[in-house]
C-alpha atoms as a PDB file:
ATOM      1  CA  UNK A   1     -10.706   2.314  27.020  1.00  0.00           C
ATOM      2  CA  UNK A   2     -14.221   1.849  25.675  1.00  0.00           C
ATOM      3  CA  UNK A   3     -15.447  -0.492  23.036  1.00  0.00           C
ATOM      4  CA  UNK A   4     -15.800   2.251  20.304  1.00  0.00           C
ATOM      5  CA  UNK A   5     -12.241   3.233  20.826  1.00  0.00           C
ATOM      6  CA  UNK A   6     -11.207  -0.310  20.617  1.00  0.00           C
ATOM      7  CA  UNK A   7     -13.010  -0.866  17.482  1.00  0.00           C
ATOM      8  CA  UNK A   8     -11.688   2.150  15.809  1.00  0.00           C
ATOM      9  CA  UNK A   9      -8.224   1.169  16.683  1.00  0.00           C
ATOM     10  CA  UNK A  10      -8.774  -2.401  15.382  1.00  0.00           C
ATOM     11  CA  UNK A  11     -10.227  -0.973  12.076  1.00  0.00           C
ATOM     12  CA  UNK A  12      -7.273   1.381  11.593  1.00  0.00           C
ATOM     13  CA  UNK A  13      -4.894  -1.441  12.204  1.00  0.00           C
ATOM     14  CA  UNK A  14      -6.777  -3.632   9.827  1.00  0.00           C
ATOM     15  CA  UNK A  15      -6.707  -1.053   7.212  1.00  0.00           C
ATOM     16  CA  UNK A  16      -3.124  -0.258   7.546  1.00  0.00           C
ATOM     17  CA  UNK A  17      -2.315  -3.871   7.451  1.00  0.00           C
ATOM     18  CA  UNK A  18      -4.400  -4.423   4.312  1.00  0.00           C
ATOM     19  CA  UNK A  19      -2.901  -1.517   2.574  1.00  0.00           C
ATOM     20  CA  UNK A  20       0.578  -2.541   3.709  1.00  0.00           C
ATOM     21  CA  UNK A  21      -0.090  -5.975   2.202  1.00  0.00           C
ATOM     22  CA  UNK A  22      -1.512  -4.554  -1.055  1.00  0.00           C
ATOM     23  CA  UNK A  23       1.596  -2.346  -1.316  1.00  0.00           C
ATOM     24  CA  UNK A  24       4.003  -5.356  -0.738  1.00  0.00           C
ATOM     25  CA  UNK A  25       2.266  -7.293  -3.358  1.00  0.00           C
ATOM     26  CA  UNK A  26       2.413  -4.455  -5.840  1.00  0.00           C
ATOM     27  CA  UNK A  27       6.196  -4.162  -5.191  1.00  0.00           C
ATOM     28  CA  UNK A  28       6.905  -7.924  -5.709  1.00  0.00           C
ATOM     29  CA  UNK A  29       4.751  -7.902  -8.852  1.00  0.00           C
ATOM     30  CA  UNK A  30       6.660  -4.988 -10.247  1.00  0.00           C
ATOM     31  CA  UNK A  31      10.056  -6.246  -9.272  1.00  0.00           C
ATOM     32  CA  UNK A  32       9.269  -9.570 -11.015  1.00  0.00           C
ATOM     33  CA  UNK A  33       8.086  -7.893 -14.120  1.00  0.00           C
ATOM     34  CA  UNK A  34      11.069  -5.583 -14.182  1.00  0.00           C
ATOM     35  CA  UNK A  35      13.517  -8.618 -13.972  1.00  0.00           C
ATOM     36  CA  UNK A  36      11.721 -10.637 -16.543  1.00  0.00           C
ATOM     37  CA  UNK A  37      13.700  -9.603 -19.616  1.00  0.00           C
ATOM     38  CA  UNK A  38      12.304 -12.392 -21.679  1.00  0.00           C
ATOM     39  CA  UNK A  39       8.646 -11.451 -21.611  1.00  0.00           C
ATOM     40  CA  UNK A  40       8.879  -7.672 -21.690  1.00  0.00           C
ATOM     41  CA  UNK A  41       5.022  -7.433 -21.483  1.00  0.00           C
ATOM     42  CA  UNK A  42       4.965  -3.441 -21.483  1.00  0.00           C
ATOM     43  CA  UNK A  43       1.143  -3.121 -20.679  1.00  0.00           C
ATOM     44  CA  UNK A  44       1.624  -5.515 -17.708  1.00  0.00           C
ATOM     45  CA  UNK A  45       4.708  -3.554 -16.532  1.00  0.00           C
ATOM     46  CA  UNK A  46       2.891  -0.249 -16.946  1.00  0.00           C
ATOM     47  CA  UNK A  47      -0.175  -1.654 -14.909  1.00  0.00           C
ATOM     48  CA  UNK A  48       2.130  -2.935 -12.175  1.00  0.00           C
ATOM     49  CA  UNK A  49       3.786   0.528 -12.019  1.00  0.00           C
ATOM     50  CA  UNK A  50       0.415   2.150 -11.728  1.00  0.00           C
ATOM     51  CA  UNK A  51      -0.763  -0.269  -9.119  1.00  0.00           C
ATOM     52  CA  UNK A  52       2.490   0.257  -7.053  1.00  0.00           C
ATOM     53  CA  UNK A  53       1.744   4.042  -7.295  1.00  0.00           C
ATOM     54  CA  UNK A  54      -1.840   3.824  -6.175  1.00  0.00           C
ATOM     55  CA  UNK A  55      -0.973   1.358  -3.273  1.00  0.00           C
ATOM     56  CA  UNK A  56       1.766   3.595  -2.181  1.00  0.00           C
ATOM     57  CA  UNK A  57      -0.691   6.650  -2.215  1.00  0.00           C
ATOM     58  CA  UNK A  58      -3.435   4.623  -0.505  1.00  0.00           C
ATOM     59  CA  UNK A  59      -1.240   3.524   2.396  1.00  0.00           C
ATOM     60  CA  UNK A  60       0.225   7.152   2.740  1.00  0.00           C
ATOM     61  CA  UNK A  61      -3.233   8.629   2.827  1.00  0.00           C
ATOM     62  CA  UNK A  62      -4.349   6.137   5.413  1.00  0.00           C
ATOM     63  CA  UNK A  63      -1.368   6.981   7.571  1.00  0.00           C
ATOM     64  CA  UNK A  64      -1.985  10.693   7.220  1.00  0.00           C
ATOM     65  CA  UNK A  65      -5.677  10.078   8.253  1.00  0.00           C
ATOM     66  CA  UNK A  66      -4.577   8.351  11.326  1.00  0.00           C
ATOM     67  CA  UNK A  67      -2.376  11.315  12.385  1.00  0.00           C
ATOM     68  CA  UNK A  68       1.203   9.791  11.558  1.00  0.00           C
ATOM     69  CA  UNK A  69       2.051  12.964   9.596  1.00  0.00           C
ATOM     70  CA  UNK A  70       2.502  14.849  12.611  1.00  0.00           C
ATOM     71  CA  UNK A  71       5.993  13.538  13.161  1.00  0.00           C
ATOM     72  CA  UNK A  72       7.173  14.323   9.774  1.00  0.00           C
ATOM     73  CA  UNK A  73       9.778  16.873   9.112  1.00  0.00           C
END
């Protein structure tokens, strides 16, 4: 394996890891806001839902770009 291939793989892994971390953080934030019945900050809840959707889409886009869609049914 040449250096360029190794660099591309490392970059792809780093992107996937970063996007997965973003998605996990968005999910935790959304869950916390949905459970917090006392505050019911609707704008924060809406923003958390949007961030979760954007993070999900970004991760899915990255996986498709890496060719992981080929195994989908």
